[in-house]
Amino acid sequence: MIKNMIVIQAKLIFLNQQDKQIVLDLMRRWSSCMKFAYKRLLEGYDRKTLKRDLQGTFDLNSRYVD
């Protein structure tokens, strides 16, 4: 099943530096996870196994990994 991807652009405004760092860290981990997952899928890894491994490797919620 192919999912459509909707892309939006937004400027994030943070009230303090700590919130900014939390969001930047999440974005960095998600981006790295997507690149890693794409390469593993091309290598023939099973999607379910890969999903479980990605959650542990990148410390992301299953909603972000799926």
PDB file of N, CA and C in Angstrom:
ATOM      1  N   MET A   1       0.842  -1.180   0.000  1.00  0.00           N
ATOM      2  CA  MET A   1       0.000   0.000   0.000  1.00  0.00           C
ATOM      3  C   MET A   1       0.887   1.243   0.000  1.00  0.00           C
ATOM      4  N   ILE A   2       0.659   2.116  -0.924  1.00  0.00           N
ATOM      5  CA  ILE A   2       1.427   3.353  -1.013  1.00  0.00           C
ATOM      6  C   ILE A   2       0.641   4.463  -0.326  1.00  0.00           C
ATOM      7  N   LYS A   3       1.333   5.197   0.538  1.00  0.00           N
ATOM      8  CA  LYS A   3       0.703   6.311   1.238  1.00  0.00           C
ATOM      9  C   LYS A   3       1.110   7.611   0.553  1.00  0.00           C
ATOM     10  N   ASN A   4       0.165   8.512   0.400  1.00  0.00           N
ATOM     11  CA  ASN A   4       0.489   9.827  -0.135  1.00  0.00           C
ATOM     12  C   ASN A   4       1.140  10.659   0.949  1.00  0.00           C
ATOM     13  N   MET A   5       2.094  11.471   0.548  1.00  0.00           N
ATOM     14  CA  MET A   5       2.789  12.315   1.510  1.00  0.00           C
ATOM     15  C   MET A   5       2.393  13.768   1.270  1.00  0.00           C
ATOM     16  N   ILE A   6       1.976  14.423   2.308  1.00  0.00           N
ATOM     17  CA  ILE A   6       1.632  15.834   2.233  1.00  0.00           C
ATOM     18  C   ILE A   6       2.768  16.616   2.871  1.00  0.00           C
ATOM     19  N   VAL A   7       3.263  17.614   2.165  1.00  0.00           N
ATOM     20  CA  VAL A   7       4.389  18.401   2.647  1.00  0.00           C
ATOM     21  C   VAL A   7       3.927  19.839   2.866  1.00  0.00           C
ATOM     22  N   ILE A   8       4.278  20.391   4.023  1.00  0.00           N
ATOM     23  CA  ILE A   8       3.970  21.794   4.298  1.00  0.00           C
ATOM     24  C   ILE A   8       5.246  22.501   4.746  1.00  0.00           C
ATOM     25  N   GLN A   9       5.271  23.786   4.566  1.00  0.00           N
ATOM     26  CA  GLN A   9       6.385  24.591   5.047  1.00  0.00           C
ATOM     27  C   GLN A   9       5.864  25.511   6.146  1.00  0.00           C
ATOM     28  N   ALA A  10       6.656  25.652   7.181  1.00  0.00           N
ATOM     29  CA  ALA A  10       6.259  26.512   8.293  1.00  0.00           C
ATOM     30  C   ALA A  10       7.505  27.053   8.979  1.00  0.00           C
ATOM     31  N   LYS A  11       7.375  28.199   9.581  1.00  0.00           N
ATOM     32  CA  LYS A  11       8.460  28.763  10.379  1.00  0.00           C
ATOM     33  C   LYS A  11       8.107  28.527  11.842  1.00  0.00           C
ATOM     34  N   LEU A  12       8.964  27.796  12.519  1.00  0.00           N
ATOM     35  CA  LEU A  12       8.726  27.499  13.926  1.00  0.00           C
ATOM     36  C   LEU A  12       9.318  28.600  14.793  1.00  0.00           C
ATOM     37  N   ILE A  13       8.534  29.069  15.732  1.00  0.00           N
ATOM     38  CA  ILE A  13       8.987  30.099  16.667  1.00  0.00           C
ATOM     39  C   ILE A  13       8.948  29.486  18.064  1.00  0.00           C
ATOM     40  N   PHE A  14      10.078  29.521  18.744  1.00  0.00           N
ATOM     41  CA  PHE A  14      10.198  28.903  20.061  1.00  0.00           C
ATOM     42  C   PHE A  14      10.344  29.979  21.128  1.00  0.00           C
ATOM     43  N   LEU A  15       9.692  29.754  22.253  1.00  0.00           N
ATOM     44  CA  LEU A  15       9.770  30.706  23.351  1.00  0.00           C
ATOM     45  C   LEU A  15      11.061  30.556  24.141  1.00  0.00           C
ATOM     46  N   ASN A  16      11.674  29.363  24.070  1.00  0.00           N
ATOM     47  CA  ASN A  16      12.948  29.185  24.765  1.00  0.00           C
ATOM     48  C   ASN A  16      13.840  28.217  23.987  1.00  0.00           C
ATOM     49  N   GLN A  17      15.106  28.231  24.296  1.00  0.00           N
ATOM     50  CA  GLN A  17      16.104  27.435  23.580  1.00  0.00           C
ATOM     51  C   GLN A  17      15.917  25.936  23.818  1.00  0.00           C
ATOM     52  N   GLN A  18      15.457  25.553  24.991  1.00  0.00           N
ATOM     53  CA  GLN A  18      15.278  24.132  25.303  1.00  0.00           C
ATOM     54  C   GLN A  18      14.234  23.495  24.382  1.00  0.00           C
ATOM     55  N   ASP A  19      13.106  24.176  24.170  1.00  0.00           N
ATOM     56  CA  ASP A  19      12.078  23.652  23.267  1.00  0.00           C
ATOM     57  C   ASP A  19      12.623  23.514  21.850  1.00  0.00           C
ATOM     58  N   LYS A  20      13.398  24.483  21.433  1.00  0.00           N
ATOM     59  CA  LYS A  20      13.990  24.447  20.094  1.00  0.00           C
ATOM     60  C   LYS A  20      14.911  23.238  19.942  1.00  0.00           C
ATOM     61  N   GLN A  21      15.732  22.972  20.935  1.00  0.00           N
ATOM     62  CA  GLN A  21      16.660  21.846  20.870  1.00  0.00           C
ATOM     63  C   GLN A  21      15.919  20.507  20.851  1.00  0.00           C
ATOM     64  N   ILE A  22      14.829  20.407  21.585  1.00  0.00           N
ATOM     65  CA  ILE A  22      14.037  19.174  21.604  1.00  0.00           C
ATOM     66  C   ILE A  22      13.467  18.890  20.215  1.00  0.00           C
ATOM     67  N   VAL A  23      12.899  19.908  19.586  1.00  0.00           N
ATOM     68  CA  VAL A  23      12.319  19.732  18.249  1.00  0.00           C
ATOM     69  C   VAL A  23      13.404  19.439  17.218  1.00  0.00           C
ATOM     70  N   LEU A  24      14.521  20.139  17.286  1.00  0.00           N
ATOM     71  CA  LEU A  24      15.616  19.896  16.342  1.00  0.00           C
ATOM     72  C   LEU A  24      16.171  18.481  16.482  1.00  0.00           C
ATOM     73  N   ASP A  25      16.262  17.985  17.704  1.00  0.00           N
ATOM     74  CA  ASP A  25      16.739  16.622  17.924  1.00  0.00           C
ATOM     75  C   ASP A  25      15.764  15.602  17.334  1.00  0.00           C
ATOM     76  N   LEU A  26      14.473  15.812  17.542  1.00  0.00           N
ATOM     77  CA  LEU A  26      13.464  14.917  16.981  1.00  0.00           C
ATOM     78  C   LEU A  26      13.527  14.921  15.451  1.00  0.00           C
ATOM     79  N   MET A  27      13.644  16.101  14.863  1.00  0.00           N
ATOM     80  CA  MET A  27      13.725  16.205  13.405  1.00  0.00           C
ATOM     81  C   MET A  27      14.981  15.517  12.872  1.00  0.00           C
ATOM     82  N   ARG A  28      16.089  15.646  13.564  1.00  0.00           N
ATOM     83  CA  ARG A  28      17.341  15.016  13.145  1.00  0.00           C
ATOM     84  C   ARG A  28      17.228  13.501  13.190  1.00  0.00           C
ATOM     85  N   ARG A  29      16.665  12.974  14.286  1.00  0.00           N
ATOM     86  CA  ARG A  29      16.517  11.525  14.415  1.00  0.00           C
ATOM     87  C   ARG A  29      15.542  10.966  13.378  1.00  0.00           C
ATOM     88  N   TRP A  30      14.442  11.682  13.119  1.00  0.00           N
ATOM     89  CA  TRP A  30      13.461  11.222  12.139  1.00  0.00           C
ATOM     90  C   TRP A  30      14.059  11.205  10.734  1.00  0.00           C
ATOM     91  N   SER A  31      14.789  12.243  10.388  1.00  0.00           N
ATOM     92  CA  SER A  31      15.430  12.304   9.072  1.00  0.00           C
ATOM     93  C   SER A  31      16.445  11.177   8.901  1.00  0.00           C
ATOM     94  N   SER A  32      17.260  10.948   9.903  1.00  0.00           N
ATOM     95  CA  SER A  32      18.242   9.861   9.845  1.00  0.00           C
ATOM     96  C   SER A  32      17.544   8.513   9.737  1.00  0.00           C
ATOM     97  N   CYS A  33      16.455   8.357  10.454  1.00  0.00           N
ATOM     98  CA  CYS A  33      15.690   7.112  10.433  1.00  0.00           C
ATOM     99  C   CYS A  33      15.128   6.850   9.035  1.00  0.00           C
ATOM    100  N   MET A  34      14.590   7.871   8.397  1.00  0.00           N
ATOM    101  CA  MET A  34      14.021   7.703   7.061  1.00  0.00           C
ATOM    102  C   MET A  34      15.088   7.302   6.049  1.00  0.00           C
ATOM    103  N   LYS A  35      16.244   7.937   6.108  1.00  0.00           N
ATOM    104  CA  LYS A  35      17.336   7.593   5.190  1.00  0.00           C
ATOM    105  C   LYS A  35      17.800   6.163   5.416  1.00  0.00           C
ATOM    106  N   PHE A  36      17.967   5.794   6.671  1.00  0.00           N
ATOM    107  CA  PHE A  36      18.416   4.453   7.031  1.00  0.00           C
ATOM    108  C   PHE A  36      17.398   3.407   6.568  1.00  0.00           C
ATOM    109  N   ALA A  37      16.113   3.670   6.820  1.00  0.00           N
ATOM    110  CA  ALA A  37      15.056   2.726   6.457  1.00  0.00           C
ATOM    111  C   ALA A  37      14.982   2.535   4.948  1.00  0.00           C
ATOM    112  N   TYR A  38      15.104   3.604   4.203  1.00  0.00           N
ATOM    113  CA  TYR A  38      15.045   3.515   2.744  1.00  0.00           C
ATOM    114  C   TYR A  38      16.154   2.612   2.217  1.00  0.00           C
ATOM    115  N   LYS A  39      17.349   2.791   2.730  1.00  0.00           N
ATOM    116  CA  LYS A  39      18.477   1.963   2.292  1.00  0.00           C
ATOM    117  C   LYS A  39      18.274   0.503   2.670  1.00  0.00           C
ATOM    118  N   ARG A  40      17.744   0.246   3.874  1.00  0.00           N
ATOM    119  CA  ARG A  40      17.515  -1.138   4.291  1.00  0.00           C
ATOM    120  C   ARG A  40      16.418  -1.791   3.449  1.00  0.00           C
ATOM    121  N   LEU A  41      15.368  -1.044   3.095  1.00  0.00           N
ATOM    122  CA  LEU A  41      14.314  -1.607   2.254  1.00  0.00           C
ATOM    123  C   LEU A  41      14.851  -1.963   0.871  1.00  0.00           C
ATOM    124  N   LEU A  42      15.744  -1.131   0.338  1.00  0.00           N
ATOM    125  CA  LEU A  42      16.368  -1.445  -0.950  1.00  0.00           C
ATOM    126  C   LEU A  42      17.217  -2.705  -0.869  1.00  0.00           C
ATOM    127  N   GLU A  43      17.772  -2.970   0.299  1.00  0.00           N
ATOM    128  CA  GLU A  43      18.584  -4.168   0.503  1.00  0.00           C
ATOM    129  C   GLU A  43      17.721  -5.409   0.721  1.00  0.00           C
ATOM    130  N   GLY A  44      16.398  -5.229   0.863  1.00  0.00           N
ATOM    131  CA  GLY A  44      15.499  -6.368   0.983  1.00  0.00           C
ATOM    132  C   GLY A  44      15.074  -6.725   2.394  1.00  0.00           C
ATOM    133  N   TYR A  45      15.287  -5.836   3.341  1.00  0.00           N
ATOM    134  CA  TYR A  45      14.871  -6.109   4.718  1.00  0.00           C
ATOM    135  C   TYR A  45      13.348  -6.182   4.810  1.00  0.00           C
ATOM    136  N   ASP A  46      12.854  -7.002   5.726  1.00  0.00           N
ATOM    137  CA  ASP A  46      11.427  -7.135   5.990  1.00  0.00           C
ATOM    138  C   ASP A  46      10.919  -5.878   6.692  1.00  0.00           C
ATOM    139  N   ARG A  47       9.760  -5.365   6.258  1.00  0.00           N
ATOM    140  CA  ARG A  47       9.226  -4.111   6.788  1.00  0.00           C
ATOM    141  C   ARG A  47       8.925  -4.187   8.282  1.00  0.00           C
ATOM    142  N   LYS A  48       8.310  -5.274   8.731  1.00  0.00           N
ATOM    143  CA  LYS A  48       7.942  -5.390  10.148  1.00  0.00           C
ATOM    144  C   LYS A  48       9.175  -5.462  11.043  1.00  0.00           C
ATOM    145  N   THR A  49      10.151  -6.236  10.616  1.00  0.00           N
ATOM    146  CA  THR A  49      11.390  -6.347  11.388  1.00  0.00           C
ATOM    147  C   THR A  49      12.113  -5.014  11.410  1.00  0.00           C
ATOM    148  N   LEU A  50      12.146  -4.359  10.264  1.00  0.00           N
ATOM    149  CA  LEU A  50      12.818  -3.066  10.156  1.00  0.00           C
ATOM    150  C   LEU A  50      12.148  -2.036  11.061  1.00  0.00           C
ATOM    151  N   LYS A  51      10.814  -2.029  11.093  1.00  0.00           N
ATOM    152  CA  LYS A  51      10.082  -1.072  11.935  1.00  0.00           C
ATOM    153  C   LYS A  51      10.465  -1.238  13.401  1.00  0.00           C
ATOM    154  N   ARG A  52      10.508  -2.481  13.866  1.00  0.00           N
ATOM    155  CA  ARG A  52      10.865  -2.750  15.262  1.00  0.00           C
ATOM    156  C   ARG A  52      12.303  -2.306  15.551  1.00  0.00           C
ATOM    157  N   ASP A  53      13.211  -2.599  14.630  1.00  0.00           N
ATOM    158  CA  ASP A  53      14.613  -2.224  14.816  1.00  0.00           C
ATOM    159  C   ASP A  53      14.805  -0.707  14.811  1.00  0.00           C
ATOM    160  N   LEU A  54      14.069  -0.016  13.952  1.00  0.00           N
ATOM    161  CA  LEU A  54      14.208   1.440  13.858  1.00  0.00           C
ATOM    162  C   LEU A  54      13.756   2.131  15.142  1.00  0.00           C
ATOM    163  N   GLN A  55      12.687   1.620  15.759  1.00  0.00           N
ATOM    164  CA  GLN A  55      12.202   2.219  17.001  1.00  0.00           C
ATOM    165  C   GLN A  55      13.287   2.189  18.070  1.00  0.00           C
ATOM    166  N   GLY A  56      13.995   1.090  18.163  1.00  0.00           N
ATOM    167  CA  GLY A  56      15.048   0.971  19.166  1.00  0.00           C
ATOM    168  C   GLY A  56      16.287   1.771  18.814  1.00  0.00           C
ATOM    169  N   THR A  57      16.672   1.743  17.544  1.00  0.00           N
ATOM    170  CA  THR A  57      17.898   2.412  17.111  1.00  0.00           C
ATOM    171  C   THR A  57      17.790   3.927  17.222  1.00  0.00           C
ATOM    172  N   PHE A  58      16.657   4.473  16.794  1.00  0.00           N
ATOM    173  CA  PHE A  58      16.510   5.926  16.736  1.00  0.00           C
ATOM    174  C   PHE A  58      15.655   6.495  17.863  1.00  0.00           C
ATOM    175  N   ASP A  59      15.167   5.650  18.770  1.00  0.00           N
ATOM    176  CA  ASP A  59      14.359   6.077  19.917  1.00  0.00           C
ATOM    177  C   ASP A  59      13.171   6.934  19.468  1.00  0.00           C
ATOM    178  N   LEU A  60      12.407   6.378  18.502  1.00  0.00           N
ATOM    179  CA  LEU A  60      11.242   7.077  17.978  1.00  0.00           C
ATOM    180  C   LEU A  60       9.980   6.267  18.260  1.00  0.00           C
ATOM    181  N   ASN A  61       8.859   6.953  18.398  1.00  0.00           N
ATOM    182  CA  ASN A  61       7.561   6.332  18.570  1.00  0.00           C
ATOM    183  C   ASN A  61       7.191   5.587  17.287  1.00  0.00           C
ATOM    184  N   SER A  62       6.392   4.547  17.397  1.00  0.00           N
ATOM    185  CA  SER A  62       6.021   3.753  16.217  1.00  0.00           C
ATOM    186  C   SER A  62       5.270   4.584  15.177  1.00  0.00           C
ATOM    187  N   ARG A  63       4.581   5.639  15.606  1.00  0.00           N
ATOM    188  CA  ARG A  63       3.882   6.504  14.644  1.00  0.00           C
ATOM    189  C   ARG A  63       4.859   7.193  13.705  1.00  0.00           C
ATOM    190  N   TYR A  64       6.035   7.549  14.206  1.00  0.00           N
ATOM    191  CA  TYR A  64       7.034   8.210  13.371  1.00  0.00           C
ATOM    192  C   TYR A  64       7.744   7.219  12.462  1.00  0.00           C
ATOM    193  N   VAL A  65       7.859   5.970  12.900  1.00  0.00           N
ATOM    194  CA  VAL A  65       8.618   4.967  12.157  1.00  0.00           C
ATOM    195  C   VAL A  65       7.778   4.342  11.045  1.00  0.00           C
ATOM    196  N   ASP A  66       6.480   4.262  11.204  1.00  0.00           N
ATOM    197  CA  ASP A  66       5.625   3.579  10.231  1.00  0.00           C
ATOM    198  C   ASP A  66       5.414   4.405   8.985  1.00  0.00           C
TER     199      ASP A  66
END
